[in-house]
Amino acid sequence: MSLPSDSTLTETGLAAPEKGRILLVACGALAREILALIEANGWQHMSLTCLPAILHNRPEAIPDAVEAAVTKHRDAYETIYIVYADCGTGGLLQARCEALGVEMIAGPHCYSFFEGNATFAQHEDEVTAFYLTDFLTRQFDAFVTKPLGLDRHPELRDIYFGNYTKLVYLAQVDDPALTAKAKTHAATLGLAFERRFTGYGDLATALATQAP
């Protein structure tokens, strides 16, 4: 019988989680940033599994997807940590995590925890801001242009974005090429452009709490 590489054998012959091993169950939109933090900090006790980022188009499906991942993997890990914010689930994900006995990162969405939840909460006047992260800047066509049909019906732009005033690019890395892309996206949507370098924000802080 082959055993998971991160498991040990108990007296009963069943696989048991190796002490200290943590599985991060995360949104696919955060994979690059999480892997960068794991490498930079030498968090060798952490493993990562990601759910499809496109679930954000159906947030009601996120709690079930997270539960399925937890159920699948929990016997192989001492701890499972959920790297999703509320993400439009209206508190349902938090309730599901509590029922499953797992922790999740705090915040309403990744825009908030990248900038820092406390800082983001001060932007109450930014209800007309459209936000991009590094991931969404790279995947703009797949997550904005095509799902909204703007590639086929560009005239819909003003219907969707007519009440927005600016595009705020929350940059996780200092990459001029990504900044140029974000500027192009702002122009495409007919919005003013603002860039804020956030780094990894509360994502880094939250993952550090899972360090030994």
N, C-alpha and C. Protein backbone atom coordinates (compact mmCIF):
# COMPACT_ATOMS: atom_id res chain seq x y z
N MET A 1 0.85 -1.20 0.00
CA MET A 1 0.00 0.00 0.00
C MET A 1 0.88 1.24 0.00
N SER A 2 0.65 2.15 -0.92
CA SER A 2 1.43 3.38 -0.94
C SER A 2 0.76 4.42 -0.08
N LEU A 3 1.56 5.18 0.65
CA LEU A 3 1.04 6.21 1.55
C LEU A 3 1.36 7.58 1.00
N PRO A 4 0.54 8.59 1.34
CA PRO A 4 0.88 9.96 0.97
C PRO A 4 2.24 10.32 1.53
N SER A 5 3.00 11.10 0.80
CA SER A 5 4.36 11.44 1.22
C SER A 5 4.38 12.24 2.51
N ASP A 6 3.25 12.90 2.85
CA ASP A 6 3.22 13.72 4.06
C ASP A 6 2.47 13.00 5.19
N SER A 7 2.38 11.67 5.13
CA SER A 7 1.68 10.92 6.16
C SER A 7 2.62 9.91 6.81
N THR A 8 2.26 9.48 8.02
CA THR A 8 2.99 8.44 8.71
C THR A 8 2.03 7.29 8.97
N LEU A 9 2.58 6.14 9.41
CA LEU A 9 1.76 4.96 9.64
C LEU A 9 1.48 4.83 11.13
N THR A 10 0.20 4.72 11.48
CA THR A 10 -0.17 4.53 12.87
C THR A 10 -0.14 3.05 13.20
N GLU A 11 -0.41 2.70 14.49
CA GLU A 11 -0.40 1.31 14.90
C GLU A 11 -1.49 0.51 14.20
N THR A 12 -2.55 1.17 13.76
CA THR A 12 -3.65 0.47 13.09
C THR A 12 -3.36 0.24 11.62
N GLY A 13 -2.27 0.80 11.13
CA GLY A 13 -1.94 0.65 9.72
C GLY A 13 -2.58 1.71 8.84
N LEU A 14 -3.26 2.68 9.43
CA LEU A 14 -3.91 3.74 8.65
C LEU A 14 -2.99 4.95 8.54
N ALA A 15 -3.13 5.69 7.46
CA ALA A 15 -2.34 6.90 7.29
C ALA A 15 -2.79 7.96 8.27
N ALA A 16 -1.84 8.60 8.92
CA ALA A 16 -2.15 9.68 9.86
C ALA A 16 -1.39 10.92 9.43
N PRO A 17 -1.94 12.09 9.69
CA PRO A 17 -1.26 13.32 9.25
C PRO A 17 0.07 13.52 9.95
N GLU A 18 1.05 13.92 9.20
CA GLU A 18 2.36 14.21 9.78
C GLU A 18 2.27 15.48 10.59
N LYS A 19 2.80 15.45 11.78
CA LYS A 19 2.69 16.58 12.71
C LYS A 19 3.26 17.84 12.08
N GLY A 20 2.50 18.91 12.15
CA GLY A 20 2.96 20.21 11.68
C GLY A 20 2.64 20.52 10.23
N ARG A 21 2.15 19.53 9.48
CA ARG A 21 1.86 19.77 8.07
C ARG A 21 0.57 20.58 7.92
N ILE A 22 0.61 21.59 7.06
CA ILE A 22 -0.54 22.46 6.83
C ILE A 22 -0.87 22.46 5.34
N LEU A 23 -2.14 22.31 5.03
CA LEU A 23 -2.61 22.45 3.66
C LEU A 23 -3.36 23.77 3.53
N LEU A 24 -2.95 24.55 2.57
CA LEU A 24 -3.65 25.79 2.24
C LEU A 24 -4.63 25.50 1.11
N VAL A 25 -5.90 25.69 1.37
CA VAL A 25 -6.93 25.55 0.33
C VAL A 25 -7.27 26.96 -0.12
N ALA A 26 -6.91 27.28 -1.36
CA ALA A 26 -6.94 28.67 -1.79
C ALA A 26 -7.65 28.86 -3.11
N CYS A 27 -8.04 30.08 -3.35
CA CYS A 27 -8.53 30.49 -4.67
C CYS A 27 -7.37 30.46 -5.65
N GLY A 28 -7.62 29.96 -6.85
CA GLY A 28 -6.57 29.91 -7.86
C GLY A 28 -6.00 31.26 -8.21
N ALA A 29 -6.76 32.32 -7.97
CA ALA A 29 -6.26 33.67 -8.25
C ALA A 29 -5.13 34.08 -7.32
N LEU A 30 -4.92 33.31 -6.25
CA LEU A 30 -3.88 33.64 -5.27
C LEU A 30 -2.67 32.73 -5.34
N ALA A 31 -2.68 31.79 -6.27
CA ALA A 31 -1.64 30.75 -6.30
C ALA A 31 -0.24 31.35 -6.42
N ARG A 32 -0.04 32.26 -7.35
CA ARG A 32 1.29 32.82 -7.58
C ARG A 32 1.81 33.52 -6.33
N GLU A 33 0.95 34.28 -5.68
CA GLU A 33 1.36 35.05 -4.50
C GLU A 33 1.66 34.11 -3.32
N ILE A 34 0.81 33.10 -3.13
CA ILE A 34 1.03 32.17 -2.02
C ILE A 34 2.33 31.39 -2.22
N LEU A 35 2.57 30.91 -3.42
CA LEU A 35 3.81 30.17 -3.69
C LEU A 35 5.04 31.06 -3.49
N ALA A 36 4.91 32.34 -3.87
CA ALA A 36 6.03 33.26 -3.66
C ALA A 36 6.31 33.45 -2.17
N LEU A 37 5.27 33.55 -1.36
CA LEU A 37 5.45 33.71 0.08
C LEU A 37 6.03 32.45 0.72
N ILE A 38 5.56 31.29 0.27
CA ILE A 38 6.10 30.03 0.80
C ILE A 38 7.59 29.92 0.50
N GLU A 39 7.97 30.25 -0.73
CA GLU A 39 9.39 30.16 -1.10
C GLU A 39 10.23 31.19 -0.36
N ALA A 40 9.74 32.42 -0.29
CA ALA A 40 10.52 33.50 0.34
C ALA A 40 10.74 33.25 1.83
N ASN A 41 9.77 32.60 2.48
CA ASN A 41 9.86 32.40 3.92
C ASN A 41 10.32 31.01 4.32
N GLY A 42 10.53 30.14 3.32
CA GLY A 42 10.97 28.79 3.64
C GLY A 42 9.95 27.98 4.42
N TRP A 43 8.67 28.21 4.12
CA TRP A 43 7.60 27.50 4.83
C TRP A 43 7.41 26.11 4.23
N GLN A 44 8.36 25.24 4.50
CA GLN A 44 8.34 23.91 3.89
C GLN A 44 7.27 23.00 4.47
N HIS A 45 6.66 23.42 5.56
CA HIS A 45 5.59 22.62 6.17
C HIS A 45 4.24 22.87 5.49
N MET A 46 4.20 23.82 4.56
CA MET A 46 2.95 24.19 3.90
C MET A 46 2.86 23.56 2.51
N SER A 47 1.66 23.07 2.19
CA SER A 47 1.33 22.63 0.84
C SER A 47 0.14 23.46 0.36
N LEU A 48 -0.04 23.49 -0.94
CA LEU A 48 -1.09 24.33 -1.52
C LEU A 48 -1.93 23.53 -2.49
N THR A 49 -3.25 23.68 -2.36
CA THR A 49 -4.16 23.20 -3.38
C THR A 49 -5.13 24.33 -3.70
N CYS A 50 -5.42 24.50 -4.99
CA CYS A 50 -6.22 25.65 -5.41
C CYS A 50 -7.52 25.20 -6.09
N LEU A 51 -8.55 25.96 -5.85
CA LEU A 51 -9.82 25.79 -6.53
C LEU A 51 -9.88 26.78 -7.69
N PRO A 52 -10.66 26.49 -8.72
CA PRO A 52 -10.68 27.36 -9.90
C PRO A 52 -11.07 28.79 -9.57
N ALA A 53 -10.28 29.73 -10.07
CA ALA A 53 -10.57 31.14 -9.80
C ALA A 53 -11.91 31.57 -10.39
N ILE A 54 -12.36 30.88 -11.41
CA ILE A 54 -13.61 31.25 -12.07
C ILE A 54 -14.82 31.05 -11.16
N LEU A 55 -14.63 30.37 -10.02
CA LEU A 55 -15.71 30.24 -9.05
C LEU A 55 -16.22 31.60 -8.58
N HIS A 56 -15.40 32.63 -8.73
CA HIS A 56 -15.85 33.97 -8.34
C HIS A 56 -17.05 34.43 -9.15
N ASN A 57 -17.26 33.83 -10.30
CA ASN A 57 -18.44 34.17 -11.08
C ASN A 57 -19.70 33.49 -10.53
N ARG A 58 -19.50 32.52 -9.63
CA ARG A 58 -20.62 31.84 -8.98
C ARG A 58 -20.27 31.67 -7.49
N PRO A 59 -20.24 32.76 -6.74
CA PRO A 59 -19.80 32.69 -5.34
C PRO A 59 -20.62 31.75 -4.48
N GLU A 60 -21.87 31.49 -4.88
CA GLU A 60 -22.69 30.58 -4.09
C GLU A 60 -22.13 29.16 -4.11
N ALA A 61 -21.26 28.87 -5.09
CA ALA A 61 -20.68 27.53 -5.20
C ALA A 61 -19.39 27.39 -4.38
N ILE A 62 -18.85 28.48 -3.88
CA ILE A 62 -17.57 28.43 -3.18
C ILE A 62 -17.63 27.60 -1.90
N PRO A 63 -18.63 27.78 -1.02
CA PRO A 63 -18.64 26.97 0.21
C PRO A 63 -18.62 25.47 -0.04
N ASP A 64 -19.42 24.99 -1.00
CA ASP A 64 -19.43 23.55 -1.29
C ASP A 64 -18.09 23.08 -1.83
N ALA A 65 -17.45 23.91 -2.68
CA ALA A 65 -16.16 23.54 -3.24
C ALA A 65 -15.09 23.47 -2.16
N VAL A 66 -15.13 24.42 -1.24
CA VAL A 66 -14.17 24.42 -0.13
C VAL A 66 -14.40 23.20 0.76
N GLU A 67 -15.65 22.91 1.06
CA GLU A 67 -15.94 21.74 1.90
C GLU A 67 -15.45 20.46 1.24
N ALA A 68 -15.65 20.33 -0.06
CA ALA A 68 -15.19 19.14 -0.76
C ALA A 68 -13.67 18.99 -0.66
N ALA A 69 -12.95 20.10 -0.78
CA ALA A 69 -11.49 20.06 -0.68
C ALA A 69 -11.05 19.69 0.72
N VAL A 70 -11.70 20.26 1.72
CA VAL A 70 -11.36 19.94 3.11
C VAL A 70 -11.61 18.46 3.39
N THR A 71 -12.76 17.97 2.97
CA THR A 71 -13.11 16.57 3.19
C THR A 71 -12.12 15.63 2.50
N LYS A 72 -11.69 16.00 1.31
CA LYS A 72 -10.76 15.17 0.55
C LYS A 72 -9.40 15.07 1.21
N HIS A 73 -8.93 16.18 1.79
CA HIS A 73 -7.53 16.24 2.22
C HIS A 73 -7.31 16.22 3.72
N ARG A 74 -8.34 16.33 4.52
CA ARG A 74 -8.08 16.60 5.94
C ARG A 74 -7.39 15.45 6.67
N ASP A 75 -7.55 14.22 6.23
CA ASP A 75 -6.90 13.11 6.92
C ASP A 75 -5.39 13.10 6.73
N ALA A 76 -4.90 13.83 5.72
CA ALA A 76 -3.46 13.81 5.43
C ALA A 76 -2.72 14.99 6.05
N TYR A 77 -3.45 15.93 6.67
CA TYR A 77 -2.80 17.14 7.19
C TYR A 77 -3.25 17.41 8.62
N GLU A 78 -2.34 17.90 9.41
CA GLU A 78 -2.71 18.26 10.77
C GLU A 78 -3.63 19.48 10.79
N THR A 79 -3.38 20.41 9.87
CA THR A 79 -4.16 21.65 9.81
C THR A 79 -4.52 21.96 8.38
N ILE A 80 -5.72 22.45 8.18
CA ILE A 80 -6.12 22.99 6.89
C ILE A 80 -6.53 24.44 7.09
N TYR A 81 -5.98 25.32 6.29
CA TYR A 81 -6.25 26.75 6.39
C TYR A 81 -6.83 27.23 5.07
N ILE A 82 -7.96 27.96 5.14
CA ILE A 82 -8.68 28.37 3.95
C ILE A 82 -8.24 29.77 3.53
N VAL A 83 -7.66 29.88 2.35
CA VAL A 83 -7.19 31.18 1.86
C VAL A 83 -8.21 31.71 0.85
N TYR A 84 -9.38 31.96 1.37
CA TYR A 84 -10.46 32.67 0.70
C TYR A 84 -10.95 33.71 1.67
N ALA A 85 -11.27 34.89 1.18
CA ALA A 85 -12.04 35.84 1.97
C ALA A 85 -13.52 35.49 1.76
N ASP A 86 -14.43 36.36 2.18
CA ASP A 86 -15.85 36.06 2.00
C ASP A 86 -16.20 35.91 0.52
N CYS A 87 -15.62 36.76 -0.33
CA CYS A 87 -15.71 36.61 -1.79
C CYS A 87 -17.14 36.53 -2.31
N GLY A 88 -18.03 37.33 -1.71
CA GLY A 88 -19.39 37.40 -2.22
C GLY A 88 -20.32 36.30 -1.74
N THR A 89 -19.90 35.51 -0.74
CA THR A 89 -20.75 34.42 -0.26
C THR A 89 -21.73 34.89 0.82
N GLY A 90 -21.66 36.14 1.21
CA GLY A 90 -22.59 36.66 2.20
C GLY A 90 -22.49 35.99 3.55
N GLY A 91 -21.28 35.63 3.95
CA GLY A 91 -21.07 34.98 5.24
C GLY A 91 -21.22 33.47 5.23
N LEU A 92 -21.65 32.91 4.10
CA LEU A 92 -21.87 31.46 4.03
C LEU A 92 -20.55 30.68 4.13
N LEU A 93 -19.48 31.24 3.55
CA LEU A 93 -18.20 30.53 3.62
C LEU A 93 -17.69 30.51 5.05
N GLN A 94 -17.81 31.62 5.77
CA GLN A 94 -17.38 31.66 7.16
C GLN A 94 -18.15 30.63 7.99
N ALA A 95 -19.46 30.58 7.78
CA ALA A 95 -20.28 29.61 8.52
C ALA A 95 -19.87 28.18 8.19
N ARG A 96 -19.57 27.90 6.93
CA ARG A 96 -19.16 26.56 6.53
C ARG A 96 -17.82 26.19 7.15
N CYS A 97 -16.91 27.14 7.16
CA CYS A 97 -15.59 26.89 7.76
C CYS A 97 -15.72 26.61 9.25
N GLU A 98 -16.59 27.34 9.92
CA GLU A 98 -16.80 27.10 11.35
C GLU A 98 -17.37 25.72 11.58
N ALA A 99 -18.30 25.30 10.71
CA ALA A 99 -18.89 23.97 10.83
C ALA A 99 -17.85 22.88 10.59
N LEU A 100 -16.91 23.15 9.69
CA LEU A 100 -15.86 22.18 9.37
C LEU A 100 -14.71 22.22 10.37
N GLY A 101 -14.67 23.26 11.19
CA GLY A 101 -13.60 23.39 12.17
C GLY A 101 -12.28 23.84 11.57
N VAL A 102 -12.35 24.66 10.51
CA VAL A 102 -11.13 25.18 9.89
C VAL A 102 -11.16 26.70 9.90
N GLU A 103 -9.99 27.30 9.95
CA GLU A 103 -9.87 28.76 9.91
C GLU A 103 -9.81 29.26 8.48
N MET A 104 -10.18 30.53 8.29
CA MET A 104 -10.05 31.16 6.98
C MET A 104 -9.49 32.57 7.16
N ILE A 105 -8.92 33.10 6.10
CA ILE A 105 -8.36 34.44 6.14
C ILE A 105 -9.48 35.46 6.32
N ALA A 106 -9.20 36.53 7.04
CA ALA A 106 -10.21 37.55 7.30
C ALA A 106 -10.30 38.54 6.14
N GLY A 107 -11.50 39.06 5.94
CA GLY A 107 -11.69 40.11 4.94
C GLY A 107 -12.85 39.83 4.02
N PRO A 108 -13.39 40.85 3.39
CA PRO A 108 -14.51 40.67 2.47
C PRO A 108 -14.09 40.11 1.11
N HIS A 109 -12.86 40.39 0.68
CA HIS A 109 -12.37 39.95 -0.63
C HIS A 109 -10.86 40.19 -0.68
N CYS A 110 -10.23 39.72 -1.77
CA CYS A 110 -8.78 39.81 -1.84
C CYS A 110 -8.30 41.25 -2.02
N TYR A 111 -9.11 42.12 -2.62
CA TYR A 111 -8.71 43.52 -2.74
C TYR A 111 -8.45 44.09 -1.35
N SER A 112 -9.32 43.71 -0.42
CA SER A 112 -9.21 44.22 0.94
C SER A 112 -7.98 43.67 1.64
N PHE A 113 -7.78 42.34 1.62
CA PHE A 113 -6.64 41.84 2.39
C PHE A 113 -5.31 42.12 1.71
N PHE A 114 -5.28 42.34 0.39
CA PHE A 114 -4.02 42.76 -0.23
C PHE A 114 -3.64 44.16 0.22
N GLU A 115 -4.60 45.06 0.25
CA GLU A 115 -4.28 46.42 0.70
C GLU A 115 -4.12 46.47 2.20
N GLY A 116 -4.68 45.50 2.89
CA GLY A 116 -4.76 45.50 4.35
C GLY A 116 -6.19 45.82 4.73
N ASN A 117 -6.84 44.93 5.46
CA ASN A 117 -8.25 45.12 5.74
C ASN A 117 -8.55 46.44 6.44
N ALA A 118 -7.70 46.84 7.37
CA ALA A 118 -7.93 48.09 8.08
C ALA A 118 -7.84 49.29 7.14
N THR A 119 -6.85 49.25 6.25
CA THR A 119 -6.69 50.36 5.30
C THR A 119 -7.83 50.40 4.30
N PHE A 120 -8.19 49.23 3.77
CA PHE A 120 -9.25 49.18 2.76
C PHE A 120 -10.57 49.68 3.32
N ALA A 121 -10.82 49.39 4.59
CA ALA A 121 -12.08 49.80 5.21
C ALA A 121 -12.22 51.32 5.28
N GLN A 122 -11.10 52.03 5.15
CA GLN A 122 -11.15 53.50 5.20
C GLN A 122 -11.60 54.10 3.87
N HIS A 123 -11.67 53.29 2.82
CA HIS A 123 -12.03 53.80 1.50
C HIS A 123 -13.54 53.73 1.26
N GLU A 124 -14.31 54.23 2.19
CA GLU A 124 -15.76 54.17 2.06
C GLU A 124 -16.26 55.01 0.89
N ASP A 125 -15.44 55.95 0.44
CA ASP A 125 -15.86 56.83 -0.65
C ASP A 125 -15.53 56.24 -2.02
N GLU A 126 -15.00 55.00 -2.05
CA GLU A 126 -14.57 54.42 -3.32
C GLU A 126 -15.58 53.42 -3.89
N VAL A 127 -16.84 53.71 -3.71
CA VAL A 127 -17.86 52.81 -4.25
C VAL A 127 -17.89 52.83 -5.77
N THR A 128 -17.26 53.83 -6.38
CA THR A 128 -17.22 53.92 -7.84
C THR A 128 -15.87 53.48 -8.40
N ALA A 129 -15.09 52.75 -7.59
CA ALA A 129 -13.79 52.26 -8.04
C ALA A 129 -13.90 50.80 -8.46
N PHE A 130 -13.26 50.47 -9.57
CA PHE A 130 -13.17 49.09 -10.05
C PHE A 130 -11.74 48.63 -9.80
N TYR A 131 -11.58 47.50 -9.11
CA TYR A 131 -10.26 47.08 -8.65
C TYR A 131 -9.71 45.93 -9.50
N LEU A 132 -8.40 45.99 -9.68
CA LEU A 132 -7.66 44.89 -10.28
C LEU A 132 -6.49 44.51 -9.38
N THR A 133 -6.20 43.23 -9.32
CA THR A 133 -4.97 42.72 -8.70
C THR A 133 -4.00 42.33 -9.82
N ASP A 134 -2.84 41.83 -9.45
CA ASP A 134 -1.92 41.33 -10.47
C ASP A 134 -2.59 40.23 -11.30
N PHE A 135 -3.26 39.30 -10.61
CA PHE A 135 -3.91 38.20 -11.31
C PHE A 135 -4.93 38.71 -12.31
N LEU A 136 -5.81 39.60 -11.88
CA LEU A 136 -6.86 40.09 -12.77
C LEU A 136 -6.29 40.95 -13.89
N THR A 137 -5.18 41.60 -13.63
CA THR A 137 -4.53 42.36 -14.70
C THR A 137 -4.04 41.41 -15.79
N ARG A 138 -3.44 40.30 -15.36
CA ARG A 138 -2.96 39.31 -16.33
C ARG A 138 -4.12 38.61 -17.04
N GLN A 139 -5.17 38.35 -16.31
CA GLN A 139 -6.28 37.53 -16.82
C GLN A 139 -7.51 38.38 -17.13
N PHE A 140 -7.31 39.63 -17.51
CA PHE A 140 -8.42 40.56 -17.71
C PHE A 140 -9.41 40.06 -18.75
N ASP A 141 -8.91 39.57 -19.86
CA ASP A 141 -9.82 39.10 -20.91
C ASP A 141 -10.66 37.91 -20.43
N ALA A 142 -10.03 36.98 -19.73
CA ALA A 142 -10.73 35.77 -19.30
C ALA A 142 -11.74 36.03 -18.20
N PHE A 143 -11.48 37.05 -17.36
CA PHE A 143 -12.35 37.27 -16.21
C PHE A 143 -13.22 38.52 -16.31
N VAL A 144 -12.93 39.38 -17.26
CA VAL A 144 -13.74 40.60 -17.42
C VAL A 144 -14.30 40.69 -18.83
N THR A 145 -13.42 40.80 -19.82
CA THR A 145 -13.86 41.06 -21.19
C THR A 145 -14.82 40.00 -21.72
N LYS A 146 -14.42 38.73 -21.65
CA LYS A 146 -15.24 37.66 -22.25
C LYS A 146 -16.49 37.34 -21.43
N PRO A 147 -16.39 37.20 -20.09
CA PRO A 147 -17.61 36.91 -19.34
C PRO A 147 -18.69 37.99 -19.47
N LEU A 148 -18.27 39.24 -19.63
CA LEU A 148 -19.23 40.32 -19.78
C LEU A 148 -19.65 40.54 -21.24
N GLY A 149 -19.04 39.80 -22.15
CA GLY A 149 -19.40 39.91 -23.55
C GLY A 149 -18.87 41.15 -24.23
N LEU A 150 -17.89 41.82 -23.65
CA LEU A 150 -17.38 43.07 -24.21
C LEU A 150 -16.59 42.83 -25.49
N ASP A 151 -16.08 41.61 -25.67
CA ASP A 151 -15.37 41.29 -26.91
C ASP A 151 -16.33 41.20 -28.08
N ARG A 152 -17.56 40.82 -27.79
CA ARG A 152 -18.58 40.70 -28.85
C ARG A 152 -19.48 41.92 -28.96
N HIS A 153 -19.68 42.60 -27.84
CA HIS A 153 -20.57 43.76 -27.81
C HIS A 153 -19.92 44.89 -27.01
N PRO A 154 -18.96 45.57 -27.59
CA PRO A 154 -18.24 46.62 -26.87
C PRO A 154 -19.16 47.75 -26.40
N GLU A 155 -20.33 47.86 -27.02
CA GLU A 155 -21.25 48.92 -26.60
C GLU A 155 -21.80 48.69 -25.19
N LEU A 156 -21.62 47.46 -24.67
CA LEU A 156 -22.07 47.17 -23.31
C LEU A 156 -21.18 47.81 -22.24
N ARG A 157 -20.03 48.29 -22.67
CA ARG A 157 -19.08 48.84 -21.69
C ARG A 157 -19.72 49.90 -20.80
N ASP A 158 -20.41 50.84 -21.41
CA ASP A 158 -20.96 51.94 -20.62
C ASP A 158 -22.14 51.50 -19.76
N ILE A 159 -22.78 50.41 -20.15
CA ILE A 159 -23.86 49.87 -19.31
C ILE A 159 -23.27 49.26 -18.04
N TYR A 160 -22.19 48.50 -18.20
CA TYR A 160 -21.56 47.87 -17.05
C TYR A 160 -20.74 48.84 -16.20
N PHE A 161 -20.05 49.76 -16.85
CA PHE A 161 -19.06 50.58 -16.14
C PHE A 161 -19.39 52.06 -16.11
N GLY A 162 -20.58 52.41 -16.55
CA GLY A 162 -20.94 53.82 -16.61
C GLY A 162 -20.96 54.53 -15.27
N ASN A 163 -21.17 53.78 -14.19
CA ASN A 163 -21.21 54.39 -12.86
C ASN A 163 -19.87 54.34 -12.13
N TYR A 164 -18.87 53.72 -12.77
CA TYR A 164 -17.53 53.73 -12.19
C TYR A 164 -16.78 54.98 -12.64
N THR A 165 -15.86 55.43 -11.81
CA THR A 165 -15.08 56.62 -12.16
C THR A 165 -13.60 56.32 -12.36
N LYS A 166 -13.11 55.27 -11.71
CA LYS A 166 -11.68 54.97 -11.84
C LYS A 166 -11.41 53.49 -11.68
N LEU A 167 -10.29 53.06 -12.25
CA LEU A 167 -9.77 51.71 -12.05
C LEU A 167 -8.58 51.82 -11.10
N VAL A 168 -8.64 51.09 -10.01
CA VAL A 168 -7.55 51.08 -9.03
C VAL A 168 -6.80 49.75 -9.16
N TYR A 169 -5.56 49.84 -9.54
CA TYR A 169 -4.71 48.66 -9.67
C TYR A 169 -3.94 48.47 -8.38
N LEU A 170 -4.27 47.40 -7.65
CA LEU A 170 -3.58 47.05 -6.43
C LEU A 170 -2.46 46.09 -6.80
N ALA A 171 -1.24 46.59 -6.82
CA ALA A 171 -0.10 45.82 -7.34
C ALA A 171 0.57 45.02 -6.24
N GLN A 172 0.71 43.73 -6.46
CA GLN A 172 1.42 42.88 -5.50
C GLN A 172 2.93 42.89 -5.76
N VAL A 173 3.33 43.02 -7.02
CA VAL A 173 4.75 43.10 -7.35
C VAL A 173 4.98 44.37 -8.17
N ASP A 174 6.19 44.85 -8.11
CA ASP A 174 6.54 46.09 -8.82
C ASP A 174 7.00 45.73 -10.23
N ASP A 175 6.05 45.63 -11.14
CA ASP A 175 6.31 45.18 -12.49
C ASP A 175 5.79 46.22 -13.49
N PRO A 176 6.67 46.96 -14.15
CA PRO A 176 6.22 47.99 -15.10
C PRO A 176 5.33 47.44 -16.21
N ALA A 177 5.59 46.21 -16.64
CA ALA A 177 4.77 45.63 -17.70
C ALA A 177 3.33 45.42 -17.22
N LEU A 178 3.16 44.97 -15.98
CA LEU A 178 1.81 44.79 -15.44
C LEU A 178 1.12 46.14 -15.26
N THR A 179 1.88 47.13 -14.82
CA THR A 179 1.30 48.46 -14.68
C THR A 179 0.81 48.98 -16.02
N ALA A 180 1.60 48.76 -17.07
CA ALA A 180 1.19 49.19 -18.40
C ALA A 180 -0.09 48.47 -18.83
N LYS A 181 -0.18 47.17 -18.52
CA LYS A 181 -1.39 46.42 -18.85
C LYS A 181 -2.60 47.00 -18.11
N ALA A 182 -2.41 47.28 -16.84
CA ALA A 182 -3.52 47.81 -16.04
C ALA A 182 -3.98 49.16 -16.59
N LYS A 183 -3.04 49.99 -17.01
CA LYS A 183 -3.39 51.28 -17.62
C LYS A 183 -4.21 51.06 -18.89
N THR A 184 -3.81 50.10 -19.68
CA THR A 184 -4.55 49.79 -20.91
C THR A 184 -5.97 49.34 -20.58
N HIS A 185 -6.11 48.51 -19.54
CA HIS A 185 -7.44 48.06 -19.15
C HIS A 185 -8.32 49.24 -18.70
N ALA A 186 -7.71 50.16 -17.98
CA ALA A 186 -8.46 51.34 -17.54
C ALA A 186 -8.95 52.14 -18.75
N ALA A 187 -8.07 52.31 -19.73
CA ALA A 187 -8.45 53.04 -20.94
C ALA A 187 -9.55 52.31 -21.69
N THR A 188 -9.46 50.99 -21.74
CA THR A 188 -10.48 50.18 -22.41
C THR A 188 -11.85 50.38 -21.78
N LEU A 189 -11.86 50.51 -20.47
CA LEU A 189 -13.13 50.69 -19.75
C LEU A 189 -13.55 52.15 -19.65
N GLY A 190 -12.70 53.06 -20.14
CA GLY A 190 -13.02 54.48 -20.08
C GLY A 190 -12.94 55.06 -18.69
N LEU A 191 -12.01 54.53 -17.88
CA LEU A 191 -11.89 54.94 -16.49
C LEU A 191 -10.55 55.59 -16.22
N ALA A 192 -10.53 56.49 -15.23
CA ALA A 192 -9.27 57.04 -14.75
C ALA A 192 -8.46 55.91 -14.12
N PHE A 193 -7.14 56.10 -14.04
CA PHE A 193 -6.26 55.04 -13.56
C PHE A 193 -5.53 55.47 -12.30
N GLU A 194 -5.48 54.55 -11.33
CA GLU A 194 -4.70 54.77 -10.12
C GLU A 194 -4.00 53.47 -9.75
N ARG A 195 -2.73 53.56 -9.42
CA ARG A 195 -1.97 52.39 -9.00
C ARG A 195 -1.57 52.53 -7.55
N ARG A 196 -1.76 51.45 -6.78
CA ARG A 196 -1.31 51.40 -5.39
C ARG A 196 -0.48 50.14 -5.22
N PHE A 197 0.73 50.30 -4.78
CA PHE A 197 1.56 49.13 -4.50
C PHE A 197 1.22 48.62 -3.11
N THR A 198 0.68 47.41 -3.04
CA THR A 198 0.26 46.84 -1.76
C THR A 198 1.20 45.75 -1.25
N GLY A 199 2.00 45.16 -2.17
CA GLY A 199 2.68 43.94 -1.78
C GLY A 199 1.65 42.87 -1.48
N TYR A 200 1.96 41.99 -0.52
CA TYR A 200 1.05 40.89 -0.22
C TYR A 200 0.12 41.20 0.94
N GLY A 201 0.30 42.34 1.58
CA GLY A 201 -0.64 42.82 2.58
C GLY A 201 -0.94 41.81 3.68
N ASP A 202 -2.23 41.70 4.02
CA ASP A 202 -2.65 40.80 5.09
C ASP A 202 -2.54 39.33 4.70
N LEU A 203 -2.36 39.04 3.42
CA LEU A 203 -2.13 37.65 3.02
C LEU A 203 -0.84 37.14 3.67
N ALA A 204 0.21 37.96 3.60
CA ALA A 204 1.48 37.57 4.22
C ALA A 204 1.33 37.42 5.73
N THR A 205 0.61 38.34 6.34
CA THR A 205 0.42 38.29 7.81
C THR A 205 -0.35 37.06 8.21
N ALA A 206 -1.41 36.75 7.44
CA ALA A 206 -2.25 35.59 7.79
C ALA A 206 -1.47 34.29 7.65
N LEU A 207 -0.70 34.15 6.58
CA LEU A 207 0.07 32.92 6.40
C LEU A 207 1.17 32.78 7.46
N ALA A 208 1.71 33.92 7.89
CA ALA A 208 2.76 33.87 8.91
C ALA A 208 2.22 33.31 10.23
N THR A 209 0.92 33.50 10.48
CA THR A 209 0.34 32.95 11.70
C THR A 209 0.30 31.43 11.68
N GLN A 210 0.45 30.84 10.49
CA GLN A 210 0.45 29.39 10.37
C GLN A 210 1.86 28.81 10.39
N ALA A 211 2.85 29.69 10.54
CA ALA A 211 4.23 29.22 10.61
C ALA A 211 4.50 28.59 11.97
N PRO A 212 5.44 27.66 12.06
CA PRO A 212 5.73 26.99 13.34
C PRO A 212 6.36 27.96 14.34
